[in-house]
Amino acid sequence: MLTISFRTDRPSDARSLALPIAKDEPVDGHVPAELVDIARAASASFSGEPGSIVDLHGRVDGAVRRILLVGTGADLAAEKAGGALVAKLLTSGETGLVIDVTGIDSAHRANFAARIAQAAMLRSWRFDLYRTKLPEKQKPTLTAIEIVVGDALAAAEAAWAPLRAVAEGVDLTRTLVTLPANILYPETFVEHCQELRGLGIEIEVLDEAAMRKLGMGALLGVSQGSIREARLLCLKWDGTGGKADPVAFVGKGVTFDTGGISLKPGPGMEDMKWDMGGAGAVAGAMKALALRKAKAHVIGVCGLVENMPDGNAQRPGDVVTTASGQTVEVLNTDAEGRLVLCDAIWWVQQAYHPKTIIDLATLTGAMIVSLGHEHGGIFANDDALADQILSAGKAVEEKLWRMPMGKAYDKMIDSPIADMKNIGPREAGSITAAQFIARFVDEGVKWAHLDIAGMVWASKPGTLWDKGATGYGVRLLDQYVKDVLEK
């Protein structure tokens, strides 16, 4: 595990040394005097673009060192710099890295140092739990990073504390999303979250018997084909001492989705272990808020089911009654996430009366067709809420794109034999899914739906992750809390 610390001065040993340099700045003022000549020679191929690296060797502070000039761009892109350094060194054989940020202006240095630390921590995350024969060249060697901040030590450590909390929340989400479905299912998802009690989070769990009494026919209908029992997990954090009304985060937690009787194609079905990415994001965000003692009142709800096609599974054409009393004709058992969310959203409104609800779900393949893997989709019944979430996503580079809603789309899910059907026509698939969920939001409640199907898993490395789970949603929700609830 990577350890990160801050110090006032540069150590004199032979560890690798990284020097952040802004775009188009001359290297002379950022490198030790003994390196100026070699740095000038290298600078012809180095413009300081964010995350770009020039690898040098030279004698600095009495020791021969590996020197890495890392670009921060024109806007001090700490995330790209920190991510690039760890990506380069994590399995390189290097065990330690010193990052000297004293060349950064003192007004920005502490925040820059904290952000580069968070990027390093996020990019270093790996999941090797089940790898028993990992080749030596693939084993992580980088274990420690020290960041030199000069006289900004106290400020850097203060800035780092909440960012570290968020990174630990992301780690939880990535672990939950990565665990295979024979290990992670509704009951064990709940078990993994029990650690949050020690952080001051209250936990409430509804089993199938409790949900049946509440009439959650939609959620339980999805679960009925599985030997794994469903759970509704509620995580409560109140950092306001009861002074603020709660905001609810609701996550889709389909721990494995075969599609049920409407069976998915075999190729790629193994990916459906991450169909609980929305619930994973909620759990990670709640951990982050508790770790940093957020002054906010948040209820996190995870609807946890497994969607399987056994002899007791829900059939296409079945009609189920939701906890709200509304009925749904289930035309496609693979349109199951909205059935889980509708009962979870109804429950949190009855139990806690939030005035704002944000749900997150890997809901539709249509969202990936629309936006690829560059943006998640956001649907909302309130423009101000949509703008707040869009702004939070932009701030942390977890981007969203506003999608339309309206009566014309809503009519597309009307059923001839029930109040609604769970799927519309081929066109506008993500929008009709959002219209379905909207029918379960109480009058006067501000609501946003984040369809993050293309964002929770990556087929190639990114700035802050390797291939695999991204932890998308944790940083976004945390930023929303900072911007809106902790003003």
Protein backbone atom coordinates (compact mmCIF):
# COMPACT_ATOMS: atom_id res chain seq x y z
CA MET A 1 0.00 0.00 0.00
CA LEU A 2 1.28 3.44 -0.93
CA THR A 3 2.05 5.79 1.96
CA ILE A 4 2.08 9.54 1.36
CA SER A 5 3.60 12.19 3.61
CA PHE A 6 4.71 15.82 3.49
CA ARG A 7 7.95 17.45 4.57
CA THR A 8 9.56 20.87 4.56
CA ASP A 9 12.85 20.05 2.82
CA ARG A 10 14.22 17.67 0.23
CA PRO A 11 15.89 14.49 1.56
CA SER A 12 19.47 13.88 0.47
CA ASP A 13 19.22 10.16 -0.33
CA ALA A 14 19.09 8.62 -3.79
CA ARG A 15 15.35 8.25 -4.21
CA SER A 16 13.75 9.39 -7.47
CA LEU A 17 12.92 13.08 -7.56
CA ALA A 18 9.95 14.59 -9.43
CA LEU A 19 9.77 18.28 -10.26
CA PRO A 20 6.43 19.72 -11.48
CA ILE A 21 6.78 22.32 -14.25
CA ALA A 22 4.01 24.41 -15.78
CA LYS A 23 3.32 24.63 -19.48
CA ASP A 24 5.86 26.60 -21.53
CA GLU A 25 7.85 27.63 -18.45
CA PRO A 26 11.66 27.49 -18.70
CA VAL A 27 13.02 24.63 -16.64
CA ASP A 28 15.92 26.68 -15.23
CA GLY A 29 13.96 28.06 -12.30
CA HIS A 30 12.54 24.68 -11.28
CA VAL A 31 15.53 22.36 -11.20
CA PRO A 32 18.58 22.25 -8.92
CA ALA A 33 21.55 24.23 -10.25
CA GLU A 34 23.56 21.09 -10.97
CA LEU A 35 20.82 19.88 -13.33
CA VAL A 36 20.27 23.03 -15.37
CA ASP A 37 22.42 22.02 -18.35
CA ILE A 38 20.94 18.56 -18.73
CA ALA A 39 17.43 19.88 -18.14
CA ARG A 40 17.87 22.52 -20.84
CA ALA A 41 18.93 19.84 -23.29
CA ALA A 42 15.85 17.78 -22.44
CA SER A 43 13.43 20.69 -22.51
CA ALA A 44 13.36 20.75 -26.29
CA SER A 45 11.04 17.74 -26.11
CA PHE A 46 9.16 18.90 -23.01
CA SER A 47 6.51 21.61 -23.12
CA GLY A 48 4.96 21.06 -19.70
CA GLU A 49 1.72 19.55 -21.05
CA PRO A 50 -0.35 18.03 -18.22
CA GLY A 51 0.99 14.62 -17.26
CA SER A 52 3.91 14.66 -19.70
CA ILE A 53 7.18 13.35 -18.24
CA VAL A 54 10.85 13.68 -19.15
CA ASP A 55 13.07 11.09 -17.47
CA LEU A 56 16.63 12.19 -16.60
CA HIS A 57 19.52 11.08 -14.39
CA GLY A 58 21.97 13.33 -12.59
CA ARG A 59 23.73 14.13 -9.35
CA VAL A 60 21.52 16.13 -6.98
CA ASP A 61 22.10 16.82 -3.29
CA GLY A 62 25.20 14.64 -3.35
CA ALA A 63 23.51 11.55 -4.81
CA VAL A 64 22.91 10.25 -8.32
CA ARG A 65 19.17 10.31 -8.81
CA ARG A 66 16.48 9.61 -11.33
CA ILE A 67 14.88 12.98 -12.09
CA LEU A 68 11.41 13.26 -13.55
CA LEU A 69 10.20 16.56 -14.96
CA VAL A 70 6.40 16.34 -14.91
CA GLY A 71 4.13 18.79 -16.71
CA THR A 72 1.25 20.49 -14.95
CA GLY A 73 -0.09 22.45 -17.91
CA ALA A 74 -1.13 26.07 -17.68
CA ASP A 75 -3.66 25.41 -14.89
CA LEU A 76 -1.55 23.43 -12.41
CA ALA A 77 -3.15 20.10 -13.30
CA ALA A 78 -2.03 18.25 -10.18
CA GLU A 79 -4.25 15.24 -10.87
CA LYS A 80 -2.66 14.51 -14.24
CA ALA A 81 0.83 15.07 -12.87
CA GLY A 82 0.33 12.81 -9.85
CA GLY A 83 -1.44 10.13 -11.85
CA ALA A 84 1.26 10.09 -14.53
CA LEU A 85 4.07 9.75 -12.00
CA VAL A 86 2.48 6.78 -10.25
CA ALA A 87 1.53 5.10 -13.52
CA LYS A 88 5.17 5.34 -14.59
CA LEU A 89 6.79 4.23 -11.34
CA LEU A 90 4.32 1.88 -9.65
CA THR A 91 5.86 -1.34 -11.01
CA SER A 92 9.17 0.14 -12.16
CA GLY A 93 11.36 -1.26 -9.39
CA GLU A 94 11.51 2.14 -7.68
CA THR A 95 10.40 2.00 -4.06
CA GLY A 96 10.33 5.66 -3.13
CA LEU A 97 9.58 8.98 -4.81
CA VAL A 98 10.15 12.55 -3.68
CA ILE A 99 8.00 15.22 -5.31
CA ASP A 100 9.37 18.72 -4.79
CA VAL A 101 6.59 21.27 -5.24
CA THR A 102 8.43 24.25 -3.76
CA GLY A 103 8.61 25.68 -7.28
CA ILE A 104 4.85 26.18 -7.16
CA ASP A 105 3.68 29.64 -6.11
CA SER A 106 3.11 29.77 -2.35
CA ALA A 107 -0.53 30.83 -2.79
CA HIS A 108 -1.33 27.55 -4.55
CA ARG A 109 1.30 25.20 -3.15
CA ALA A 110 -0.61 23.54 -0.31
CA ASN A 111 -3.66 22.80 -2.42
CA PHE A 112 -1.51 21.59 -5.31
CA ALA A 113 0.43 19.27 -3.00
CA ALA A 114 -2.77 17.82 -1.55
CA ARG A 115 -4.28 17.25 -4.99
CA ILE A 116 -1.15 15.59 -6.35
CA ALA A 117 -1.18 13.34 -3.27
CA GLN A 118 -4.80 12.34 -3.86
CA ALA A 119 -4.07 11.62 -7.52
CA ALA A 120 -1.14 9.43 -6.55
CA MET A 121 -3.23 7.50 -4.03
CA LEU A 122 -6.08 6.97 -6.49
CA ARG A 123 -3.83 5.92 -9.37
CA SER A 124 -1.95 3.43 -7.18
CA TRP A 125 -5.09 1.41 -6.35
CA ARG A 126 -4.94 -2.20 -7.51
CA PHE A 127 -6.93 -5.36 -6.95
CA ASP A 128 -4.55 -8.32 -6.68
CA LEU A 129 -6.51 -10.32 -4.10
CA TYR A 130 -6.95 -13.39 -6.29
CA ARG A 131 -3.65 -13.24 -8.19
CA THR A 132 -1.41 -15.94 -6.74
CA LYS A 133 1.26 -16.02 -9.48
CA LEU A 134 1.84 -12.39 -10.34
CA PRO A 135 5.01 -11.94 -12.45
CA GLU A 136 7.73 -9.95 -10.74
CA LYS A 137 7.59 -7.19 -13.35
CA GLN A 138 3.88 -6.68 -12.61
CA LYS A 139 4.23 -6.44 -8.85
CA PRO A 140 3.96 -2.96 -7.32
CA THR A 141 7.26 -1.70 -5.95
CA LEU A 142 6.50 1.95 -5.19
CA THR A 143 5.56 2.09 -1.53
CA ALA A 144 6.22 5.66 -0.38
CA ILE A 145 5.88 9.20 -1.69
CA GLU A 146 7.17 12.25 0.17
CA ILE A 147 6.03 15.67 -1.03
CA VAL A 148 8.32 18.60 -0.28
CA VAL A 149 6.28 21.74 0.42
CA GLY A 150 8.69 24.09 2.20
CA ASP A 151 6.95 26.39 4.66
CA ALA A 152 3.48 25.20 3.56
CA LEU A 153 3.63 22.01 5.64
CA ALA A 154 0.71 22.69 7.97
CA ALA A 155 -1.47 24.02 5.16
CA ALA A 156 -0.68 21.04 2.92
CA GLU A 157 -1.50 18.51 5.62
CA ALA A 158 -4.77 20.32 6.38
CA ALA A 159 -5.72 20.32 2.69
CA TRP A 160 -4.78 16.65 2.35
CA ALA A 161 -6.98 15.32 5.16
CA PRO A 162 -10.37 15.67 3.41
CA LEU A 163 -8.95 14.60 0.05
CA ARG A 164 -7.52 11.47 1.64
CA ALA A 165 -10.96 10.73 3.09
CA VAL A 166 -12.48 10.94 -0.38
CA ALA A 167 -9.76 8.70 -1.82
CA GLU A 168 -10.52 6.09 0.83
CA GLY A 169 -14.19 6.28 -0.13
CA VAL A 170 -13.23 5.71 -3.76
CA ASP A 171 -11.16 2.71 -2.69
CA LEU A 172 -14.21 1.14 -1.04
CA THR A 173 -16.31 1.69 -4.15
CA ARG A 174 -13.67 0.21 -6.43
CA THR A 175 -13.35 -2.86 -4.22
CA LEU A 176 -17.11 -3.43 -4.16
CA VAL A 177 -17.37 -2.99 -7.94
CA THR A 178 -14.44 -5.33 -8.61
CA LEU A 179 -15.36 -8.22 -6.33
CA PRO A 180 -16.83 -11.17 -8.26
CA ALA A 181 -20.50 -12.00 -7.86
CA ASN A 182 -19.83 -15.29 -6.04
CA ILE A 183 -18.16 -13.21 -3.33
CA LEU A 184 -20.24 -10.02 -3.44
CA TYR A 185 -24.02 -10.44 -3.31
CA PRO A 186 -26.66 -8.54 -1.33
CA GLU A 187 -25.86 -10.03 2.07
CA THR A 188 -22.08 -9.69 1.70
CA PHE A 189 -22.39 -6.16 0.31
CA VAL A 190 -24.04 -5.31 3.61
CA GLU A 191 -21.25 -7.07 5.50
CA HIS A 192 -18.58 -5.06 3.66
CA CYS A 193 -20.31 -1.86 4.80
CA GLN A 194 -20.38 -2.81 8.47
CA GLU A 195 -16.95 -1.16 8.86
CA LEU A 196 -18.72 2.18 8.42
CA ARG A 197 -20.34 1.88 11.85
CA GLY A 198 -16.95 2.68 13.36
CA LEU A 199 -16.94 6.00 11.53
CA GLY A 200 -20.24 7.12 13.06
CA ILE A 201 -22.57 5.96 10.29
CA GLU A 202 -25.83 4.42 11.43
CA ILE A 203 -26.85 1.33 9.49
CA GLU A 204 -30.33 -0.04 8.91
CA VAL A 205 -30.98 -3.20 6.90
CA LEU A 206 -34.28 -4.51 5.58
CA ASP A 207 -34.44 -8.20 4.69
CA GLU A 208 -36.93 -9.76 2.29
CA ALA A 209 -39.54 -10.34 4.98
CA ALA A 210 -39.48 -6.67 5.95
CA MET A 211 -39.65 -5.54 2.34
CA ARG A 212 -42.53 -7.92 1.65
CA LYS A 213 -44.51 -6.35 4.51
CA LEU A 214 -43.90 -2.96 2.91
CA GLY A 215 -45.18 -4.22 -0.43
CA MET A 216 -41.94 -3.85 -2.40
CA GLY A 217 -43.14 -6.05 -5.23
CA ALA A 218 -40.95 -4.39 -7.85
CA LEU A 219 -37.62 -4.87 -6.07
CA LEU A 220 -38.53 -8.36 -4.84
CA GLY A 221 -39.73 -9.34 -8.29
CA VAL A 222 -36.21 -8.79 -9.62
CA SER A 223 -34.73 -10.89 -6.82
CA GLN A 224 -37.14 -13.83 -6.87
CA GLY A 225 -35.15 -15.89 -9.37
CA SER A 226 -32.01 -15.90 -7.22
CA ILE A 227 -31.03 -17.99 -4.24
CA ARG A 228 -29.37 -14.81 -2.90
CA GLU A 229 -31.88 -12.84 -0.83
CA ALA A 230 -32.36 -9.16 -1.51
CA ARG A 231 -31.46 -6.46 0.97
CA LEU A 232 -32.23 -2.77 1.37
CA LEU A 233 -29.26 -1.06 3.02
CA CYS A 234 -29.59 2.37 4.59
CA LEU A 235 -26.50 4.34 5.68
CA LYS A 236 -27.16 7.45 7.77
CA TRP A 237 -24.69 10.27 8.37
CA ASP A 238 -25.70 13.44 10.20
CA GLY A 239 -22.88 15.89 10.74
CA THR A 240 -25.30 18.70 11.57
CA GLY A 241 -26.55 17.40 14.91
CA GLY A 242 -30.09 17.19 13.60
CA LYS A 243 -30.15 20.80 12.40
CA ALA A 244 -30.52 20.06 8.67
CA ASP A 245 -33.06 18.13 6.64
CA PRO A 246 -31.60 15.05 4.98
CA VAL A 247 -30.61 14.68 1.36
CA ALA A 248 -30.91 11.15 -0.02
CA PHE A 249 -28.46 9.32 -2.28
CA VAL A 250 -30.02 6.15 -3.73
CA GLY A 251 -27.96 3.53 -5.58
CA LYS A 252 -28.90 0.64 -7.85
CA GLY A 253 -27.19 -2.46 -6.45
CA VAL A 254 -27.72 -5.37 -8.84
CA THR A 255 -24.79 -7.47 -7.72
CA PHE A 256 -25.06 -9.59 -10.85
CA ASP A 257 -27.38 -9.12 -13.77
CA THR A 258 -28.00 -12.00 -16.15
CA GLY A 259 -31.01 -10.18 -17.53
CA GLY A 260 -33.26 -12.79 -15.91
CA ILE A 261 -35.60 -14.61 -18.31
CA SER A 262 -34.80 -11.86 -20.87
CA LEU A 263 -31.32 -13.35 -20.83
CA LYS A 264 -28.36 -11.25 -21.93
CA PRO A 265 -25.98 -12.56 -24.61
CA GLY A 266 -23.20 -14.71 -23.17
CA PRO A 267 -20.18 -12.71 -24.43
CA GLY A 268 -19.41 -9.94 -21.97
CA MET A 269 -21.92 -11.07 -19.35
CA GLU A 270 -19.09 -11.36 -16.84
CA ASP A 271 -19.00 -7.56 -16.78
CA MET A 272 -22.38 -7.53 -15.10
CA LYS A 273 -20.73 -7.91 -11.70
CA TRP A 274 -20.38 -4.11 -11.83
CA ASP A 275 -24.12 -3.52 -12.24
CA MET A 276 -24.08 -2.47 -8.58
CA GLY A 277 -21.85 0.53 -9.38
CA GLY A 278 -24.48 3.03 -8.27
CA ALA A 279 -24.84 1.40 -4.86
CA GLY A 280 -21.06 1.12 -4.66
CA ALA A 281 -20.74 4.85 -5.28
CA VAL A 282 -23.27 5.60 -2.55
CA ALA A 283 -21.38 3.44 -0.04
CA GLY A 284 -18.04 5.04 -0.95
CA ALA A 285 -19.45 8.55 -0.76
CA MET A 286 -20.92 7.87 2.68
CA LYS A 287 -17.54 6.62 3.88
CA ALA A 288 -15.85 9.75 2.53
CA LEU A 289 -18.37 12.05 4.24
CA ALA A 290 -17.97 10.26 7.56
CA LEU A 291 -14.16 10.21 7.38
CA ARG A 292 -13.96 13.94 6.78
CA LYS A 293 -16.78 14.67 9.27
CA ALA A 294 -18.88 16.47 6.69
CA LYS A 295 -21.30 19.01 8.11
CA ALA A 296 -24.21 17.55 6.20
CA HIS A 297 -27.16 15.26 6.77
CA VAL A 298 -27.20 12.47 4.16
CA ILE A 299 -29.13 9.23 3.86
CA GLY A 300 -27.54 6.65 1.56
CA VAL A 301 -29.82 3.87 0.34
CA CYS A 302 -28.68 0.81 -1.64
CA GLY A 303 -31.23 -1.48 -3.26
CA LEU A 304 -29.39 -4.82 -3.42
CA VAL A 305 -30.55 -7.74 -5.56
CA GLU A 306 -29.25 -10.44 -7.88
CA ASN A 307 -31.13 -10.95 -11.18
CA MET A 308 -31.13 -14.64 -12.15
CA PRO A 309 -33.23 -16.85 -14.49
CA ASP A 310 -34.36 -19.85 -12.45
CA GLY A 311 -37.78 -21.56 -12.42
CA ASN A 312 -39.13 -18.99 -9.99
CA ALA A 313 -37.84 -15.99 -11.91
CA GLN A 314 -40.05 -13.12 -12.96
CA ARG A 315 -41.49 -13.59 -16.47
CA PRO A 316 -41.91 -11.06 -19.26
CA GLY A 317 -45.53 -9.98 -19.08
CA ASP A 318 -45.85 -10.28 -15.30
CA VAL A 319 -47.54 -7.42 -13.45
CA VAL A 320 -46.05 -6.34 -10.11
CA THR A 321 -47.32 -3.92 -7.51
CA THR A 322 -44.74 -1.45 -6.22
CA ALA A 323 -44.54 -0.21 -2.65
CA SER A 324 -46.16 3.04 -3.79
CA GLY A 325 -49.21 1.08 -4.93
CA GLN A 326 -48.56 1.73 -8.61
CA THR A 327 -48.54 -1.31 -10.89
CA VAL A 328 -45.94 -2.22 -13.51
CA GLU A 329 -46.19 -4.54 -16.49
CA VAL A 330 -42.74 -6.12 -16.73
CA LEU A 331 -42.15 -6.50 -20.46
CA ASN A 332 -38.42 -7.08 -20.16
CA THR A 333 -36.80 -8.60 -17.08
CA ASP A 334 -33.48 -7.04 -18.11
CA ALA A 335 -34.93 -3.59 -17.44
CA GLU A 336 -34.62 -4.39 -13.76
CA GLY A 337 -32.68 -1.50 -12.26
CA ARG A 338 -35.61 0.89 -12.42
CA LEU A 339 -37.74 -1.71 -10.57
CA VAL A 340 -35.18 -1.72 -7.77
CA LEU A 341 -34.87 2.06 -7.66
CA CYS A 342 -38.60 2.79 -7.61
CA ASP A 343 -39.16 0.88 -4.37
CA ALA A 344 -35.95 2.20 -2.79
CA ILE A 345 -36.88 5.79 -3.63
CA TRP A 346 -40.41 5.30 -2.29
CA TRP A 347 -39.02 3.86 0.95
CA VAL A 348 -36.56 6.66 1.67
CA GLN A 349 -39.30 9.23 1.09
CA GLN A 350 -41.63 7.50 3.54
CA ALA A 351 -38.94 6.91 6.15
CA TYR A 352 -36.93 10.15 6.04
CA HIS A 353 -38.82 12.73 3.94
CA PRO A 354 -35.82 14.13 2.06
CA LYS A 355 -36.43 17.27 0.02
CA THR A 356 -33.72 16.26 -2.47
CA ILE A 357 -32.95 12.83 -3.93
CA ILE A 358 -30.05 11.90 -6.21
CA ASP A 359 -30.04 8.38 -7.58
CA LEU A 360 -27.12 6.70 -9.33
CA ALA A 361 -27.44 3.65 -11.52
CA THR A 362 -25.69 1.68 -14.24
CA LEU A 363 -29.12 1.69 -15.79
CA THR A 364 -29.11 1.52 -19.58
CA GLY A 365 -26.91 0.41 -22.44
CA ALA A 366 -28.62 3.19 -24.37
CA MET A 367 -26.70 5.68 -22.24
CA ILE A 368 -23.41 4.26 -23.50
CA VAL A 369 -24.71 4.47 -27.07
CA SER A 370 -25.57 8.13 -26.48
CA LEU A 371 -22.54 9.35 -24.54
CA GLY A 372 -19.92 6.63 -24.74
CA HIS A 373 -17.55 6.49 -21.80
CA GLU A 374 -16.88 10.24 -21.64
CA HIS A 375 -19.95 11.43 -19.76
CA GLY A 376 -22.64 10.04 -17.52
CA GLY A 377 -26.18 11.18 -18.19
CA ILE A 378 -28.17 13.36 -15.82
CA PHE A 379 -31.95 13.73 -15.78
CA ALA A 380 -33.64 16.08 -13.32
CA ASN A 381 -36.95 17.66 -12.41
CA ASP A 382 -35.24 20.79 -11.10
CA ASP A 383 -32.89 23.00 -13.12
CA ALA A 384 -31.01 24.37 -10.11
CA LEU A 385 -30.28 20.87 -8.80
CA ALA A 386 -29.12 19.76 -12.24
CA ASP A 387 -26.78 22.74 -12.46
CA GLN A 388 -25.35 22.03 -9.01
CA ILE A 389 -24.60 18.42 -9.87
CA LEU A 390 -23.18 19.31 -13.29
CA SER A 391 -20.89 21.86 -11.62
CA ALA A 392 -19.73 19.32 -9.03
CA GLY A 393 -18.97 16.80 -11.75
CA LYS A 394 -17.00 19.34 -13.74
CA ALA A 395 -14.95 20.31 -10.69
CA VAL A 396 -13.73 16.74 -10.14
CA GLU A 397 -13.62 15.63 -13.79
CA GLU A 398 -16.54 13.22 -13.33
CA LYS A 399 -18.44 14.67 -16.23
CA LEU A 400 -22.19 14.55 -16.85
CA TRP A 401 -24.44 15.63 -19.72
CA ARG A 402 -27.99 16.87 -19.18
CA MET A 403 -30.60 14.79 -20.99
CA PRO A 404 -34.21 15.80 -21.77
CA MET A 405 -37.44 14.64 -20.18
CA GLY A 406 -41.06 15.43 -20.97
CA LYS A 407 -44.65 14.29 -21.43
CA ALA A 408 -44.03 12.91 -24.91
CA TYR A 409 -41.41 10.54 -23.49
CA ASP A 410 -43.57 9.71 -20.48
CA LYS A 411 -46.41 8.47 -22.66
CA MET A 412 -44.03 5.91 -24.17
CA ILE A 413 -44.17 3.80 -20.98
CA ASP A 414 -47.94 3.76 -20.54
CA SER A 415 -49.26 0.19 -20.35
CA PRO A 416 -52.62 -1.08 -21.65
CA ILE A 417 -53.12 -3.31 -18.58
CA ALA A 418 -51.20 -1.62 -15.73
CA ASP A 419 -50.19 1.86 -14.63
CA MET A 420 -46.97 1.62 -16.63
CA LYS A 421 -44.63 -0.77 -18.36
CA ASN A 422 -40.99 -1.11 -17.39
CA ILE A 423 -39.60 -0.47 -20.85
CA GLY A 424 -40.51 1.71 -23.80
CA PRO A 425 -39.67 1.33 -27.47
CA ARG A 426 -36.14 0.99 -28.78
CA GLU A 427 -35.64 4.72 -29.19
CA ALA A 428 -34.97 7.04 -26.23
CA GLY A 429 -34.24 4.08 -23.95
CA SER A 430 -32.36 6.06 -21.31
CA ILE A 431 -35.00 8.79 -21.26
CA THR A 432 -37.95 6.44 -20.82
CA ALA A 433 -36.06 4.75 -17.99
CA ALA A 434 -35.72 8.13 -16.28
CA GLN A 435 -39.41 8.86 -16.89
CA PHE A 436 -40.25 5.57 -15.15
CA ILE A 437 -38.28 6.52 -12.04
CA ALA A 438 -39.78 10.02 -12.02
CA ARG A 439 -43.25 8.54 -11.46
CA PHE A 440 -42.14 7.48 -7.98
CA VAL A 441 -40.79 10.85 -6.83
CA ASP A 442 -43.18 12.72 -4.54
CA GLU A 443 -44.58 16.09 -5.49
CA GLY A 444 -42.24 18.89 -4.41
CA VAL A 445 -39.15 16.68 -4.05
CA LYS A 446 -36.14 17.76 -6.08
CA TRP A 447 -34.76 14.74 -7.90
CA ALA A 448 -31.88 13.91 -10.20
CA HIS A 449 -31.12 10.59 -11.86
CA LEU A 450 -27.54 9.80 -12.90
CA ASP A 451 -27.24 7.04 -15.48
CA ILE A 452 -23.59 6.06 -15.12
CA ALA A 453 -23.55 2.84 -17.14
CA GLY A 454 -20.55 3.92 -19.17
CA MET A 455 -18.51 5.32 -16.31
CA VAL A 456 -18.00 2.78 -13.51
CA TRP A 457 -15.68 0.43 -15.42
CA ALA A 458 -12.84 1.30 -17.79
CA SER A 459 -11.32 -0.88 -20.50
CA LYS A 460 -8.17 1.26 -20.56
CA PRO A 461 -6.20 3.24 -17.97
CA GLY A 462 -7.21 6.80 -17.13
CA THR A 463 -5.64 9.66 -15.22
CA LEU A 464 -6.71 8.33 -11.82
CA TRP A 465 -7.29 4.62 -12.46
CA ASP A 466 -5.90 1.59 -14.20
CA LYS A 467 -8.12 -0.72 -16.23
CA GLY A 468 -11.15 -1.78 -14.23
CA ALA A 469 -13.23 -0.04 -11.57
CA THR A 470 -13.05 3.77 -11.66
CA GLY A 471 -14.91 4.64 -8.46
CA TYR A 472 -17.02 7.08 -10.46
CA GLY A 473 -19.58 8.99 -8.42
CA VAL A 474 -17.82 9.23 -5.06
CA ARG A 475 -15.88 12.41 -5.79
CA LEU A 476 -18.88 13.89 -7.57
CA LEU A 477 -21.25 13.34 -4.65
CA ASP A 478 -18.67 14.59 -2.16
CA GLN A 479 -18.16 17.76 -4.20
CA TYR A 480 -21.92 18.30 -4.36
CA VAL A 481 -22.07 18.05 -0.57
CA LYS A 482 -19.24 20.58 -0.23
CA ASP A 483 -20.74 23.01 -2.72
CA VAL A 484 -24.38 22.82 -1.69
CA LEU A 485 -24.90 21.29 1.75
CA GLU A 486 -21.87 22.68 3.57
CA LYS A 487 -22.14 26.29 2.46
